[in-house]
């Protein structure tokens, strides 16, 4: 299982690839910007329901954020 900060790096890769800001992503998915900043700083690891929302949005398996599987 990835650490919180390593899991966030997975999200960073996806947002950079899609040229998307955390603000716009949060607006689209109904997530506050504090969600992303706390995750980035390692203050929390998102629950699986939030990770599933992100996984579905980016079209990656949930394991991408949990185990770091890069097969996307």
PDB file of N, CA and C in Angstrom:
ATOM      1  N   UNK A   1       0.846  -1.186   0.000  1.00  0.00           N
ATOM      2  CA  UNK A   1       0.000   0.000   0.000  1.00  0.00           C
ATOM      3  C   UNK A   1       0.885   1.240   0.000  1.00  0.00           C
ATOM      4  N   UNK A   2       0.510   2.190  -0.824  1.00  0.00           N
ATOM      5  CA  UNK A   2       1.271   3.433  -0.915  1.00  0.00           C
ATOM      6  C   UNK A   2       1.007   4.322   0.296  1.00  0.00           C
ATOM      7  N   UNK A   3       1.994   5.140   0.626  1.00  0.00           N
ATOM      8  CA  UNK A   3       1.776   6.147   1.663  1.00  0.00           C
ATOM      9  C   UNK A   3       0.872   7.234   1.093  1.00  0.00           C
ATOM     10  N   UNK A   4       0.389   8.076   1.945  1.00  0.00           N
ATOM     11  CA  UNK A   4      -0.478   9.170   1.525  1.00  0.00           C
ATOM     12  C   UNK A   4       0.207  10.064   0.494  1.00  0.00           C
ATOM     13  N   UNK A   5       1.453  10.429   0.760  1.00  0.00           N
ATOM     14  CA  UNK A   5       2.159  11.323  -0.172  1.00  0.00           C
ATOM     15  C   UNK A   5       2.477  10.618  -1.491  1.00  0.00           C
ATOM     16  N   UNK A   6       2.809   9.347  -1.444  1.00  0.00           N
ATOM     17  CA  UNK A   6       3.059   8.609  -2.691  1.00  0.00           C
ATOM     18  C   UNK A   6       1.766   8.435  -3.492  1.00  0.00           C
ATOM     19  N   UNK A   7       0.683   8.230  -2.793  1.00  0.00           N
ATOM     20  CA  UNK A   7      -0.610   8.116  -3.452  1.00  0.00           C
ATOM     21  C   UNK A   7      -0.962   9.437  -4.140  1.00  0.00           C
ATOM     22  N   UNK A   8      -0.648  10.537  -3.481  1.00  0.00           N
ATOM     23  CA  UNK A   8      -0.919  11.843  -4.079  1.00  0.00           C
ATOM     24  C   UNK A   8      -0.081  12.054  -5.337  1.00  0.00           C
ATOM     25  N   UNK A   9       1.120  11.511  -5.351  1.00  0.00           N
ATOM     26  CA  UNK A   9       1.965  11.624  -6.544  1.00  0.00           C
ATOM     27  C   UNK A   9       1.303  10.967  -7.743  1.00  0.00           C
ATOM     28  N   UNK A  10       0.544   9.920  -7.489  1.00  0.00           N
ATOM     29  CA  UNK A  10      -0.200   9.274  -8.567  1.00  0.00           C
ATOM     30  C   UNK A  10      -1.222  10.264  -9.152  1.00  0.00           C
ATOM     31  N   UNK A  11      -1.889  10.998  -8.263  1.00  0.00           N
ATOM     32  CA  UNK A  11      -2.849  12.000  -8.714  1.00  0.00           C
ATOM     33  C   UNK A  11      -2.130  13.116  -9.477  1.00  0.00           C
ATOM     34  N   UNK A  12      -0.986  13.526  -8.983  1.00  0.00           N
ATOM     35  CA  UNK A  12      -0.210  14.571  -9.670  1.00  0.00           C
ATOM     36  C   UNK A  12       0.092  14.176 -11.113  1.00  0.00           C
ATOM     37  N   UNK A  13       0.467  12.940 -11.314  1.00  0.00           N
ATOM     38  CA  UNK A  13       0.759  12.466 -12.668  1.00  0.00           C
ATOM     39  C   UNK A  13      -0.464  12.605 -13.576  1.00  0.00           C
ATOM     40  N   UNK A  14      -1.606  12.236 -13.047  1.00  0.00           N
ATOM     41  CA  UNK A  14      -2.831  12.294 -13.849  1.00  0.00           C
ATOM     42  C   UNK A  14      -3.256  13.727 -14.144  1.00  0.00           C
ATOM     43  N   UNK A  15      -3.151  14.601 -13.160  1.00  0.00           N
ATOM     44  CA  UNK A  15      -3.566  15.988 -13.393  1.00  0.00           C
ATOM     45  C   UNK A  15      -2.610  16.681 -14.358  1.00  0.00           C
ATOM     46  N   UNK A  16      -1.333  16.382 -14.267  1.00  0.00           N
ATOM     47  CA  UNK A  16      -0.372  16.971 -15.215  1.00  0.00           C
ATOM     48  C   UNK A  16      -0.628  16.454 -16.622  1.00  0.00           C
ATOM     49  N   UNK A  17      -0.856  15.165 -16.732  1.00  0.00           N
ATOM     50  CA  UNK A  17      -1.118  14.549 -18.035  1.00  0.00           C
ATOM     51  C   UNK A  17      -2.353  15.165 -18.699  1.00  0.00           C
ATOM     52  N   UNK A  18      -3.343  15.517 -17.880  1.00  0.00           N
ATOM     53  CA  UNK A  18      -4.589  16.084 -18.387  1.00  0.00           C
ATOM     54  C   UNK A  18      -4.631  17.611 -18.299  1.00  0.00           C
ATOM     55  N   UNK A  19      -3.486  18.212 -17.922  1.00  0.00           N
ATOM     56  CA  UNK A  19      -3.380  19.668 -17.814  1.00  0.00           C
ATOM     57  C   UNK A  19      -4.543  20.252 -17.004  1.00  0.00           C
ATOM     58  N   UNK A  20      -4.715  19.723 -15.802  1.00  0.00           N
ATOM     59  CA  UNK A  20      -5.852  20.097 -14.972  1.00  0.00           C
ATOM     60  C   UNK A  20      -5.375  20.582 -13.606  1.00  0.00           C
ATOM     61  N   UNK A  21      -6.015  21.598 -13.094  1.00  0.00           N
ATOM     62  CA  UNK A  21      -5.687  22.107 -11.764  1.00  0.00           C
ATOM     63  C   UNK A  21      -6.527  21.362 -10.719  1.00  0.00           C
ATOM     64  N   UNK A  22      -6.052  21.411  -9.484  1.00  0.00           N
ATOM     65  CA  UNK A  22      -6.814  20.781  -8.396  1.00  0.00           C
ATOM     66  C   UNK A  22      -8.102  21.547  -8.149  1.00  0.00           C
ATOM     67  N   UNK A  23      -8.055  22.852  -8.369  1.00  0.00           N
ATOM     68  CA  UNK A  23      -9.256  23.667  -8.197  1.00  0.00           C
ATOM     69  C   UNK A  23     -10.353  23.215  -9.172  1.00  0.00           C
ATOM     70  N   UNK A  24      -9.998  23.092 -10.453  1.00  0.00           N
ATOM     71  CA  UNK A  24     -11.009  22.691 -11.439  1.00  0.00           C
ATOM     72  C   UNK A  24     -11.468  21.249 -11.206  1.00  0.00           C
ATOM     73  N   UNK A  25     -10.559  20.393 -10.824  1.00  0.00           N
ATOM     74  CA  UNK A  25     -10.908  19.006 -10.524  1.00  0.00           C
ATOM     75  C   UNK A  25     -11.876  18.954  -9.345  1.00  0.00           C
ATOM     76  N   UNK A  26     -11.566  19.706  -8.309  1.00  0.00           N
ATOM     77  CA  UNK A  26     -12.434  19.756  -7.138  1.00  0.00           C
ATOM     78  C   UNK A  26     -13.815  20.276  -7.468  1.00  0.00           C
ATOM     79  N   UNK A  27     -13.870  21.318  -8.292  1.00  0.00           N
ATOM     80  CA  UNK A  27     -15.158  21.877  -8.694  1.00  0.00           C
ATOM     81  C   UNK A  27     -15.992  20.840  -9.449  1.00  0.00           C
ATOM     82  N   UNK A  28     -15.329  20.131 -10.353  1.00  0.00           N
ATOM     83  CA  UNK A  28     -16.041  19.127 -11.157  1.00  0.00           C
ATOM     84  C   UNK A  28     -16.561  17.967 -10.317  1.00  0.00           C
ATOM     85  N   UNK A  29     -15.753  17.569  -9.325  1.00  0.00           N
ATOM     86  CA  UNK A  29     -16.092  16.380  -8.545  1.00  0.00           C
ATOM     87  C   UNK A  29     -16.721  16.696  -7.188  1.00  0.00           C
ATOM     88  N   UNK A  30     -16.845  17.974  -6.870  1.00  0.00           N
ATOM     89  CA  UNK A  30     -17.443  18.354  -5.589  1.00  0.00           C
ATOM     90  C   UNK A  30     -16.526  18.128  -4.400  1.00  0.00           C
ATOM     91  N   UNK A  31     -15.222  18.272  -4.632  1.00  0.00           N
ATOM     92  CA  UNK A  31     -14.238  18.099  -3.561  1.00  0.00           C
ATOM     93  C   UNK A  31     -13.589  19.452  -3.252  1.00  0.00           C
ATOM     94  N   UNK A  32     -13.467  19.798  -1.968  1.00  0.00           N
ATOM     95  CA  UNK A  32     -12.848  21.088  -1.633  1.00  0.00           C
ATOM     96  C   UNK A  32     -11.343  21.075  -1.921  1.00  0.00           C
ATOM     97  N   UNK A  33     -10.783  22.246  -2.159  1.00  0.00           N
ATOM     98  CA  UNK A  33      -9.337  22.324  -2.411  1.00  0.00           C
ATOM     99  C   UNK A  33      -8.543  21.855  -1.204  1.00  0.00           C
ATOM    100  N   UNK A  34      -9.115  22.001  -0.009  1.00  0.00           N
ATOM    101  CA  UNK A  34      -8.418  21.527   1.199  1.00  0.00           C
ATOM    102  C   UNK A  34      -8.218  20.012   1.160  1.00  0.00           C
ATOM    103  N   UNK A  35      -9.107  19.304   0.485  1.00  0.00           N
ATOM    104  CA  UNK A  35      -8.972  17.854   0.322  1.00  0.00           C
ATOM    105  C   UNK A  35      -7.631  17.529  -0.319  1.00  0.00           C
ATOM    106  N   UNK A  36      -7.298  18.249  -1.387  1.00  0.00           N
ATOM    107  CA  UNK A  36      -6.061  17.996  -2.109  1.00  0.00           C
ATOM    108  C   UNK A  36      -4.832  18.465  -1.325  1.00  0.00           C
ATOM    109  N   UNK A  37      -4.928  19.613  -0.665  1.00  0.00           N
ATOM    110  CA  UNK A  37      -3.763  20.126   0.061  1.00  0.00           C
ATOM    111  C   UNK A  37      -3.430  19.262   1.278  1.00  0.00           C
ATOM    112  N   UNK A  38      -4.436  18.776   1.986  1.00  0.00           N
ATOM    113  CA  UNK A  38      -4.177  17.905   3.133  1.00  0.00           C
ATOM    114  C   UNK A  38      -3.605  16.568   2.683  1.00  0.00           C
ATOM    115  N   UNK A  39      -4.094  16.065   1.584  1.00  0.00           N
ATOM    116  CA  UNK A  39      -3.589  14.806   1.029  1.00  0.00           C
ATOM    117  C   UNK A  39      -2.135  14.982   0.599  1.00  0.00           C
ATOM    118  N   UNK A  40      -1.850  16.074  -0.082  1.00  0.00           N
ATOM    119  CA  UNK A  40      -0.489  16.325  -0.564  1.00  0.00           C
ATOM    120  C   UNK A  40       0.509  16.412   0.581  1.00  0.00           C
ATOM    121  N   UNK A  41       0.105  17.036   1.673  1.00  0.00           N
ATOM    122  CA  UNK A  41       0.998  17.183   2.836  1.00  0.00           C
ATOM    123  C   UNK A  41       1.062  15.933   3.701  1.00  0.00           C
ATOM    124  N   UNK A  42       0.308  14.917   3.339  1.00  0.00           N
ATOM    125  CA  UNK A  42       0.335  13.672   4.102  1.00  0.00           C
ATOM    126  C   UNK A  42      -0.473  13.729   5.377  1.00  0.00           C
ATOM    127  N   UNK A  43      -1.353  14.712   5.498  1.00  0.00           N
ATOM    128  CA  UNK A  43      -2.167  14.844   6.711  1.00  0.00           C
ATOM    129  C   UNK A  43      -3.317  13.855   6.735  1.00  0.00           C
ATOM    130  N   UNK A  44      -3.674  13.342   5.567  1.00  0.00           N
ATOM    131  CA  UNK A  44      -4.743  12.334   5.505  1.00  0.00           C
ATOM    132  C   UNK A  44      -4.608  11.532   4.229  1.00  0.00           C
ATOM    133  N   UNK A  45      -5.168  10.353   4.287  1.00  0.00           N
ATOM    134  CA  UNK A  45      -5.277   9.485   3.115  1.00  0.00           C
ATOM    135  C   UNK A  45      -6.763   9.417   2.803  1.00  0.00           C
ATOM    136  N   UNK A  46      -7.158   9.784   1.582  1.00  0.00           N
ATOM    137  CA  UNK A  46      -8.581   9.759   1.253  1.00  0.00           C
ATOM    138  C   UNK A  46      -9.187   8.366   1.439  1.00  0.00           C
ATOM    139  N   UNK A  47     -10.434   8.367   1.822  1.00  0.00           N
ATOM    140  CA  UNK A  47     -11.162   7.107   1.955  1.00  0.00           C
ATOM    141  C   UNK A  47     -11.425   6.542   0.565  1.00  0.00           C
ATOM    142  N   UNK A  48     -11.712   5.272   0.538  1.00  0.00           N
ATOM    143  CA  UNK A  48     -11.859   4.571  -0.737  1.00  0.00           C
ATOM    144  C   UNK A  48     -12.971   5.150  -1.612  1.00  0.00           C
ATOM    145  N   UNK A  49     -14.023   5.696  -1.009  1.00  0.00           N
ATOM    146  CA  UNK A  49     -15.099   6.260  -1.837  1.00  0.00           C
ATOM    147  C   UNK A  49     -14.611   7.469  -2.638  1.00  0.00           C
ATOM    148  N   UNK A  50     -13.764   8.293  -2.035  1.00  0.00           N
ATOM    149  CA  UNK A  50     -13.211   9.458  -2.744  1.00  0.00           C
ATOM    150  C   UNK A  50     -12.191   9.007  -3.795  1.00  0.00           C
ATOM    151  N   UNK A  51     -11.391   8.023  -3.447  1.00  0.00           N
ATOM    152  CA  UNK A  51     -10.424   7.503  -4.417  1.00  0.00           C
ATOM    153  C   UNK A  51     -11.137   6.878  -5.607  1.00  0.00           C
ATOM    154  N   UNK A  52     -12.260   6.238  -5.354  1.00  0.00           N
ATOM    155  CA  UNK A  52     -13.036   5.626  -6.428  1.00  0.00           C
ATOM    156  C   UNK A  52     -13.599   6.696  -7.369  1.00  0.00           C
ATOM    157  N   UNK A  53     -14.040   7.807  -6.811  1.00  0.00           N
ATOM    158  CA  UNK A  53     -14.520   8.923  -7.628  1.00  0.00           C
ATOM    159  C   UNK A  53     -13.402   9.396  -8.552  1.00  0.00           C
ATOM    160  N   UNK A  54     -12.204   9.572  -7.988  1.00  0.00           N
ATOM    161  CA  UNK A  54     -11.054  10.013  -8.786  1.00  0.00           C
ATOM    162  C   UNK A  54     -10.666   8.963  -9.823  1.00  0.00           C
ATOM    163  N   UNK A  55     -10.657   7.710  -9.419  1.00  0.00           N
ATOM    164  CA  UNK A  55     -10.287   6.630 -10.340  1.00  0.00           C
ATOM    165  C   UNK A  55     -11.256   6.573 -11.521  1.00  0.00           C
ATOM    166  N   UNK A  56     -12.532   6.669 -11.235  1.00  0.00           N
ATOM    167  CA  UNK A  56     -13.532   6.640 -12.305  1.00  0.00           C
ATOM    168  C   UNK A  56     -13.398   7.856 -13.216  1.00  0.00           C
ATOM    169  N   UNK A  57     -13.137   8.992 -12.640  1.00  0.00           N
ATOM    170  CA  UNK A  57     -12.991  10.216 -13.421  1.00  0.00           C
ATOM    171  C   UNK A  57     -11.830  10.103 -14.415  1.00  0.00           C
ATOM    172  N   UNK A  58     -10.698   9.585 -13.927  1.00  0.00           N
ATOM    173  CA  UNK A  58      -9.513   9.483 -14.780  1.00  0.00           C
ATOM    174  C   UNK A  58      -9.445   8.173 -15.568  1.00  0.00           C
ATOM    175  N   UNK A  59     -10.375   7.270 -15.307  1.00  0.00           N
ATOM    176  CA  UNK A  59     -10.395   6.010 -16.036  1.00  0.00           C
ATOM    177  C   UNK A  59      -9.261   5.068 -15.664  1.00  0.00           C
ATOM    178  N   UNK A  60      -8.906   5.079 -14.381  1.00  0.00           N
ATOM    179  CA  UNK A  60      -7.854   4.191 -13.880  1.00  0.00           C
ATOM    180  C   UNK A  60      -8.454   3.276 -12.818  1.00  0.00           C
ATOM    181  N   UNK A  61      -7.820   2.137 -12.562  1.00  0.00           N
ATOM    182  CA  UNK A  61      -8.331   1.270 -11.487  1.00  0.00           C
ATOM    183  C   UNK A  61      -8.061   1.901 -10.117  1.00  0.00           C
ATOM    184  N   UNK A  62      -8.878   1.570  -9.160  1.00  0.00           N
ATOM    185  CA  UNK A  62      -8.706   2.069  -7.794  1.00  0.00           C
ATOM    186  C   UNK A  62      -7.310   1.766  -7.264  1.00  0.00           C
ATOM    187  N   UNK A  63      -6.769   0.618  -7.647  1.00  0.00           N
ATOM    188  CA  UNK A  63      -5.444   0.194  -7.192  1.00  0.00           C
ATOM    189  C   UNK A  63      -4.346   1.181  -7.600  1.00  0.00           C
ATOM    190  N   UNK A  64      -4.609   1.995  -8.607  1.00  0.00           N
ATOM    191  CA  UNK A  64      -3.640   2.997  -9.048  1.00  0.00           C
ATOM    192  C   UNK A  64      -3.260   3.921  -7.897  1.00  0.00           C
ATOM    193  N   UNK A  65      -4.246   4.281  -7.070  1.00  0.00           N
ATOM    194  CA  UNK A  65      -4.003   5.172  -5.934  1.00  0.00           C
ATOM    195  C   UNK A  65      -3.589   4.415  -4.672  1.00  0.00           C
ATOM    196  N   UNK A  66      -3.951   3.151  -4.585  1.00  0.00           N
ATOM    197  CA  UNK A  66      -3.688   2.394  -3.352  1.00  0.00           C
ATOM    198  C   UNK A  66      -2.370   1.628  -3.428  1.00  0.00           C
ATOM    199  N   UNK A  67      -2.138   0.954  -4.552  1.00  0.00           N
ATOM    200  CA  UNK A  67      -0.942   0.123  -4.685  1.00  0.00           C
ATOM    201  C   UNK A  67       0.095   0.710  -5.629  1.00  0.00           C
ATOM    202  N   UNK A  68      -0.289   1.746  -6.362  1.00  0.00           N
ATOM    203  CA  UNK A  68       0.643   2.359  -7.291  1.00  0.00           C
ATOM    204  C   UNK A  68       0.810   1.599  -8.588  1.00  0.00           C
ATOM    205  N   UNK A  69      -0.141   0.735  -8.882  1.00  0.00           N
ATOM    206  CA  UNK A  69      -0.052  -0.026 -10.117  1.00  0.00           C
ATOM    207  C   UNK A  69      -0.188   0.919 -11.300  1.00  0.00           C
ATOM    208  N   UNK A  70       0.794   0.902 -12.167  1.00  0.00           N
ATOM    209  CA  UNK A  70       0.868   1.854 -13.255  1.00  0.00           C
ATOM    210  C   UNK A  70       0.239   1.349 -14.542  1.00  0.00           C
ATOM    211  N   UNK A  71      -0.392   0.221 -14.513  1.00  0.00           N
ATOM    212  CA  UNK A  71      -0.972  -0.352 -15.718  1.00  0.00           C
ATOM    213  C   UNK A  71      -2.294   0.332 -16.028  1.00  0.00           C
ATOM    214  N   UNK A  72      -2.177   1.566 -16.549  1.00  0.00           N
ATOM    215  CA  UNK A  72      -3.388   2.327 -16.880  1.00  0.00           C
ATOM    216  C   UNK A  72      -3.367   2.733 -18.336  1.00  0.00           C
TER     217      UNK A  72
END
